[in-house]
Protein backbone atom coordinates (compact mmCIF):
# COMPACT_ATOMS: atom_id res chain seq x y z
CA UNK A 1 34.19 4.04 -4.56
CA UNK A 2 30.44 4.40 -4.15
CA UNK A 3 28.68 5.48 -0.98
CA UNK A 4 26.93 3.04 1.36
CA UNK A 5 23.95 5.46 1.24
CA UNK A 6 23.39 4.96 -2.51
CA UNK A 7 21.62 2.05 -4.13
CA UNK A 8 23.12 -0.11 -6.88
CA UNK A 9 21.60 -0.40 -10.35
CA UNK A 10 20.60 -4.05 -9.87
CA UNK A 11 17.01 -5.13 -9.32
CA UNK A 12 15.37 -4.75 -5.91
CA UNK A 13 14.86 -8.51 -6.08
CA UNK A 14 18.55 -9.09 -5.21
CA UNK A 15 18.54 -7.18 -1.90
CA UNK A 16 18.96 -9.16 1.29
CA UNK A 17 19.19 -7.94 4.89
CA UNK A 18 22.56 -7.92 6.69
CA UNK A 19 23.30 -7.16 10.34
CA UNK A 20 24.17 -3.50 10.91
CA UNK A 21 27.31 -2.18 12.61
CA UNK A 22 26.94 -0.19 15.82
CA UNK A 23 27.40 3.22 14.11
CA UNK A 24 24.56 2.45 11.69
CA UNK A 25 22.10 2.38 14.58
CA UNK A 26 22.30 6.18 14.58
CA UNK A 27 19.84 5.89 11.68
CA UNK A 28 17.07 3.70 13.18
CA UNK A 29 14.85 3.94 10.07
CA UNK A 30 17.65 2.60 7.83
CA UNK A 31 18.59 -1.04 7.36
CA UNK A 32 21.71 -2.59 5.85
CA UNK A 33 21.16 -4.58 2.67
CA UNK A 34 23.56 -6.43 0.41
CA UNK A 35 22.93 -7.03 -3.27
CA UNK A 36 23.30 -10.71 -4.15
CA UNK A 37 24.18 -9.72 -7.73
CA UNK A 38 26.96 -7.12 -7.29
CA UNK A 39 27.67 -7.66 -3.54
CA UNK A 40 27.36 -3.92 -2.73
CA UNK A 41 26.40 -3.00 0.83
CA UNK A 42 23.64 -0.38 0.99
CA UNK A 43 22.13 1.46 3.94
CA UNK A 44 18.58 2.14 2.76
CA UNK A 45 15.23 3.11 4.36
CA UNK A 46 13.38 -0.05 5.37
CA UNK A 47 9.92 1.27 4.44
CA UNK A 48 11.09 2.24 0.96
CA UNK A 49 12.66 -1.15 0.29
CA UNK A 50 9.60 -3.00 1.62
CA UNK A 51 7.33 -0.88 -0.59
CA UNK A 52 9.56 -1.42 -3.64
CA UNK A 53 9.69 -5.19 -3.07
CA UNK A 54 5.90 -5.32 -2.76
CA UNK A 55 5.54 -3.36 -5.99
CA UNK A 56 8.12 -5.56 -7.73
CA UNK A 57 6.35 -8.72 -6.62
CA UNK A 58 2.91 -7.55 -7.73
CA UNK A 59 3.89 -6.56 -11.28
CA UNK A 60 2.54 -8.67 -14.14
CA UNK A 61 5.00 -9.89 -16.73
CA UNK A 62 4.64 -8.66 -20.27
CA UNK A 63 5.99 -10.25 -23.43
CA UNK A 64 5.82 -9.57 -27.15
CA UNK A 65 2.28 -10.88 -27.42
CA UNK A 66 0.84 -9.00 -24.45
CA UNK A 67 0.39 -10.48 -21.01
CA UNK A 68 2.27 -13.73 -20.41
CA UNK A 69 0.24 -14.59 -17.34
CA UNK A 70 -3.02 -16.33 -18.11
CA UNK A 71 -5.98 -15.91 -15.76
CA UNK A 72 -6.71 -18.93 -13.60
CA UNK A 73 -9.50 -21.19 -14.78
CA UNK A 74 -12.07 -22.61 -12.45
CA UNK A 75 -13.87 -25.88 -12.91
CA UNK A 76 -17.68 -25.70 -13.06
CA UNK A 77 -19.37 -26.62 -9.81
CA UNK A 78 -21.56 -29.70 -9.76
């Protein structure tokens, strides 16, 4: 059985907040998360998860031919 203090191997994208039990409030900087993929409960530092989610969301996607994302085009102004 794995510890509640360790993270699962799934992507940070799957983490969702869950209400903490009373004993978990001993660690005010930690928040309870549950992975939507493997359903594991994890007590993790809130700042670290927020930072990881921001990093995950800002990454560009890469494929075999280079960047998949194309830069936005703007129409010429009249």
